Amino acid sequence: MYNKIKGMWGIFKDDNEWNEKNVVGFIAFIVMVCFALLDLVINETIYDSFTWVVLGCFGIAGLEKFSKK
């Protein structure tokens, strides 16, 4: 159990195969979709904040993918 928890934090190392911006962007996207599907009355600022997080995370990750290293 300890190794699984310790291994979970491995995605935040510099030499991993995971892109942290994609992870954060996907989580923000899921939250945004949940709000939309459940038709919750939420503050427009909160929804707009999640929209900017998703666009920022996926935009930066996309630029990194196509830029020269």
N, C-alpha and C. Protein backbone atom coordinates (compact mmCIF):
# COMPACT_ATOMS: atom_id res chain seq x y z
N MET A 1 0.83 -1.19 0.00
CA MET A 1 0.00 0.00 0.00
C MET A 1 0.88 1.26 0.00
N TYR A 2 1.91 1.25 0.82
CA TYR A 2 2.80 2.41 0.90
C TYR A 2 3.48 2.67 -0.44
N ASN A 3 3.90 1.60 -1.14
CA ASN A 3 4.57 1.77 -2.43
C ASN A 3 3.63 2.37 -3.48
N LYS A 4 2.35 2.02 -3.42
CA LYS A 4 1.39 2.59 -4.37
C LYS A 4 1.20 4.07 -4.13
N ILE A 5 1.11 4.46 -2.85
CA ILE A 5 0.96 5.88 -2.52
C ILE A 5 2.23 6.63 -2.89
N LYS A 6 3.37 6.05 -2.59
CA LYS A 6 4.64 6.68 -2.92
C LYS A 6 4.79 6.79 -4.44
N GLY A 7 4.36 5.76 -5.17
CA GLY A 7 4.45 5.77 -6.62
C GLY A 7 3.53 6.80 -7.27
N MET A 8 2.42 7.12 -6.60
CA MET A 8 1.49 8.10 -7.14
C MET A 8 2.16 9.46 -7.28
N TRP A 9 3.02 9.81 -6.36
CA TRP A 9 3.69 11.12 -6.39
C TRP A 9 4.78 11.15 -7.43
N GLY A 10 5.09 10.02 -8.06
CA GLY A 10 6.10 9.97 -9.11
C GLY A 10 5.73 10.76 -10.34
N ILE A 11 4.43 11.06 -10.53
CA ILE A 11 4.04 11.82 -11.71
C ILE A 11 4.52 13.27 -11.62
N PHE A 12 4.94 13.72 -10.46
CA PHE A 12 5.39 15.10 -10.30
C PHE A 12 6.91 15.23 -10.39
N LYS A 13 7.61 14.15 -10.71
CA LYS A 13 9.05 14.23 -10.91
C LYS A 13 9.34 14.77 -12.30
N ASP A 14 10.53 15.30 -12.48
CA ASP A 14 10.89 15.89 -13.77
C ASP A 14 11.14 14.83 -14.85
N ASP A 15 11.48 13.61 -14.46
CA ASP A 15 11.83 12.59 -15.44
C ASP A 15 10.76 11.50 -15.54
N ASN A 16 9.50 11.90 -15.59
CA ASN A 16 8.42 10.93 -15.69
C ASN A 16 7.80 10.96 -17.07
N GLU A 17 6.85 10.06 -17.31
CA GLU A 17 6.17 9.99 -18.60
C GLU A 17 4.86 10.76 -18.59
N TRP A 18 4.45 11.28 -17.45
CA TRP A 18 3.18 11.98 -17.32
C TRP A 18 3.39 13.47 -17.51
N ASN A 19 2.43 14.12 -18.12
CA ASN A 19 2.45 15.58 -18.26
C ASN A 19 1.49 16.14 -17.23
N GLU A 20 2.03 16.83 -16.24
CA GLU A 20 1.22 17.32 -15.12
C GLU A 20 0.16 18.31 -15.57
N LYS A 21 0.48 19.10 -16.58
CA LYS A 21 -0.50 20.07 -17.08
C LYS A 21 -1.72 19.36 -17.67
N ASN A 22 -1.50 18.23 -18.31
CA ASN A 22 -2.63 17.46 -18.84
C ASN A 22 -3.46 16.88 -17.71
N VAL A 23 -2.82 16.43 -16.64
CA VAL A 23 -3.55 15.87 -15.49
C VAL A 23 -4.42 16.94 -14.86
N VAL A 24 -3.85 18.12 -14.60
CA VAL A 24 -4.60 19.21 -13.99
C VAL A 24 -5.71 19.68 -14.92
N GLY A 25 -5.40 19.80 -16.20
CA GLY A 25 -6.40 20.23 -17.18
C GLY A 25 -7.55 19.24 -17.29
N PHE A 26 -7.24 17.94 -17.24
CA PHE A 26 -8.28 16.93 -17.32
C PHE A 26 -9.18 16.96 -16.09
N ILE A 27 -8.59 17.13 -14.92
CA ILE A 27 -9.40 17.22 -13.69
C ILE A 27 -10.30 18.45 -13.74
N ALA A 28 -9.75 19.59 -14.18
CA ALA A 28 -10.57 20.80 -14.30
C ALA A 28 -11.68 20.60 -15.33
N PHE A 29 -11.37 19.90 -16.42
CA PHE A 29 -12.38 19.62 -17.45
C PHE A 29 -13.50 18.75 -16.89
N ILE A 30 -13.16 17.73 -16.11
CA ILE A 30 -14.17 16.85 -15.51
C ILE A 30 -15.07 17.65 -14.57
N VAL A 31 -14.49 18.51 -13.76
CA VAL A 31 -15.29 19.34 -12.85
C VAL A 31 -16.22 20.24 -13.64
N MET A 32 -15.70 20.83 -14.72
CA MET A 32 -16.50 21.72 -15.55
C MET A 32 -17.65 20.96 -16.20
N VAL A 33 -17.40 19.75 -16.68
CA VAL A 33 -18.45 18.93 -17.29
C VAL A 33 -19.49 18.53 -16.26
N CYS A 34 -19.05 18.19 -15.04
CA CYS A 34 -20.00 17.83 -13.98
C CYS A 34 -20.94 19.00 -13.68
N PHE A 35 -20.39 20.19 -13.59
CA PHE A 35 -21.25 21.36 -13.36
C PHE A 35 -22.25 21.54 -14.49
N ALA A 36 -21.79 21.33 -15.73
CA ALA A 36 -22.68 21.52 -16.88
C ALA A 36 -23.75 20.43 -16.92
N LEU A 37 -23.38 19.18 -16.68
CA LEU A 37 -24.34 18.08 -16.74
C LEU A 37 -25.37 18.13 -15.62
N LEU A 38 -24.94 18.52 -14.46
CA LEU A 38 -25.85 18.58 -13.32
C LEU A 38 -26.67 19.87 -13.31
N ASP A 39 -26.32 20.80 -14.21
CA ASP A 39 -27.01 22.08 -14.32
C ASP A 39 -27.13 22.78 -12.97
N LEU A 40 -26.01 22.82 -12.30
CA LEU A 40 -25.96 23.51 -11.01
C LEU A 40 -25.94 25.01 -11.22
N VAL A 41 -26.54 25.71 -10.33
CA VAL A 41 -26.47 27.16 -10.36
C VAL A 41 -25.21 27.55 -9.60
N ILE A 42 -24.20 27.89 -10.36
CA ILE A 42 -22.93 28.26 -9.74
C ILE A 42 -22.58 29.68 -10.14
N ASN A 43 -21.66 30.19 -9.43
CA ASN A 43 -21.17 31.53 -9.71
C ASN A 43 -20.44 31.53 -11.05
N GLU A 44 -20.74 32.48 -11.89
CA GLU A 44 -20.13 32.54 -13.23
C GLU A 44 -18.62 32.66 -13.15
N THR A 45 -18.11 33.30 -12.12
CA THR A 45 -16.67 33.47 -11.96
C THR A 45 -15.98 32.12 -11.76
N ILE A 46 -16.60 31.23 -11.00
CA ILE A 46 -16.01 29.91 -10.76
C ILE A 46 -15.95 29.13 -12.07
N TYR A 47 -17.03 29.13 -12.84
CA TYR A 47 -17.04 28.41 -14.10
C TYR A 47 -16.00 28.99 -15.06
N ASP A 48 -15.94 30.32 -15.13
CA ASP A 48 -14.95 30.95 -16.00
C ASP A 48 -13.53 30.61 -15.57
N SER A 49 -13.30 30.50 -14.26
CA SER A 49 -11.97 30.14 -13.76
C SER A 49 -11.57 28.75 -14.22
N PHE A 50 -12.49 27.79 -14.10
CA PHE A 50 -12.20 26.44 -14.57
C PHE A 50 -11.98 26.42 -16.09
N THR A 51 -12.71 27.24 -16.82
CA THR A 51 -12.51 27.30 -18.27
C THR A 51 -11.11 27.78 -18.60
N TRP A 52 -10.63 28.81 -17.90
CA TRP A 52 -9.28 29.31 -18.14
C TRP A 52 -8.21 28.30 -17.74
N VAL A 53 -8.44 27.56 -16.66
CA VAL A 53 -7.48 26.53 -16.25
C VAL A 53 -7.38 25.46 -17.32
N VAL A 54 -8.53 25.00 -17.83
CA VAL A 54 -8.52 23.96 -18.87
C VAL A 54 -7.82 24.47 -20.12
N LEU A 55 -8.19 25.64 -20.58
CA LEU A 55 -7.56 26.19 -21.79
C LEU A 55 -6.07 26.42 -21.59
N GLY A 56 -5.69 26.90 -20.42
CA GLY A 56 -4.28 27.14 -20.14
C GLY A 56 -3.48 25.86 -20.09
N CYS A 57 -3.98 24.87 -19.38
CA CYS A 57 -3.25 23.61 -19.25
C CYS A 57 -3.10 22.90 -20.58
N PHE A 58 -4.19 22.77 -21.32
CA PHE A 58 -4.13 22.08 -22.60
C PHE A 58 -3.39 22.91 -23.64
N GLY A 59 -3.49 24.22 -23.56
CA GLY A 59 -2.77 25.07 -24.50
C GLY A 59 -1.27 24.98 -24.31
N ILE A 60 -0.82 25.05 -23.08
CA ILE A 60 0.61 24.95 -22.80
C ILE A 60 1.12 23.57 -23.15
N ALA A 61 0.37 22.53 -22.80
CA ALA A 61 0.78 21.16 -23.12
C ALA A 61 0.85 20.96 -24.63
N GLY A 62 -0.09 21.54 -25.37
CA GLY A 62 -0.06 21.43 -26.82
C GLY A 62 1.13 22.14 -27.43
N LEU A 63 1.44 23.32 -26.93
CA LEU A 63 2.60 24.05 -27.43
C LEU A 63 3.89 23.30 -27.13
N GLU A 64 3.99 22.70 -25.95
CA GLU A 64 5.18 21.94 -25.60
C GLU A 64 5.34 20.73 -26.50
N LYS A 65 4.24 20.13 -26.91
CA LYS A 65 4.30 18.94 -27.75
C LYS A 65 4.88 19.26 -29.12
N PHE A 66 4.50 20.41 -29.67
CA PHE A 66 4.92 20.75 -31.02
C PHE A 66 6.14 21.65 -31.08
N SER A 67 6.58 22.18 -29.96
CA SER A 67 7.77 23.02 -29.98
C SER A 67 9.02 22.15 -29.96
N LYS A 68 10.09 22.72 -30.44
CA LYS A 68 11.36 21.98 -30.45
C LYS A 68 11.95 22.00 -29.05
N LYS A 69 12.51 20.88 -28.67
CA LYS A 69 13.03 20.76 -27.29
C LYS A 69 14.44 21.24 -27.22
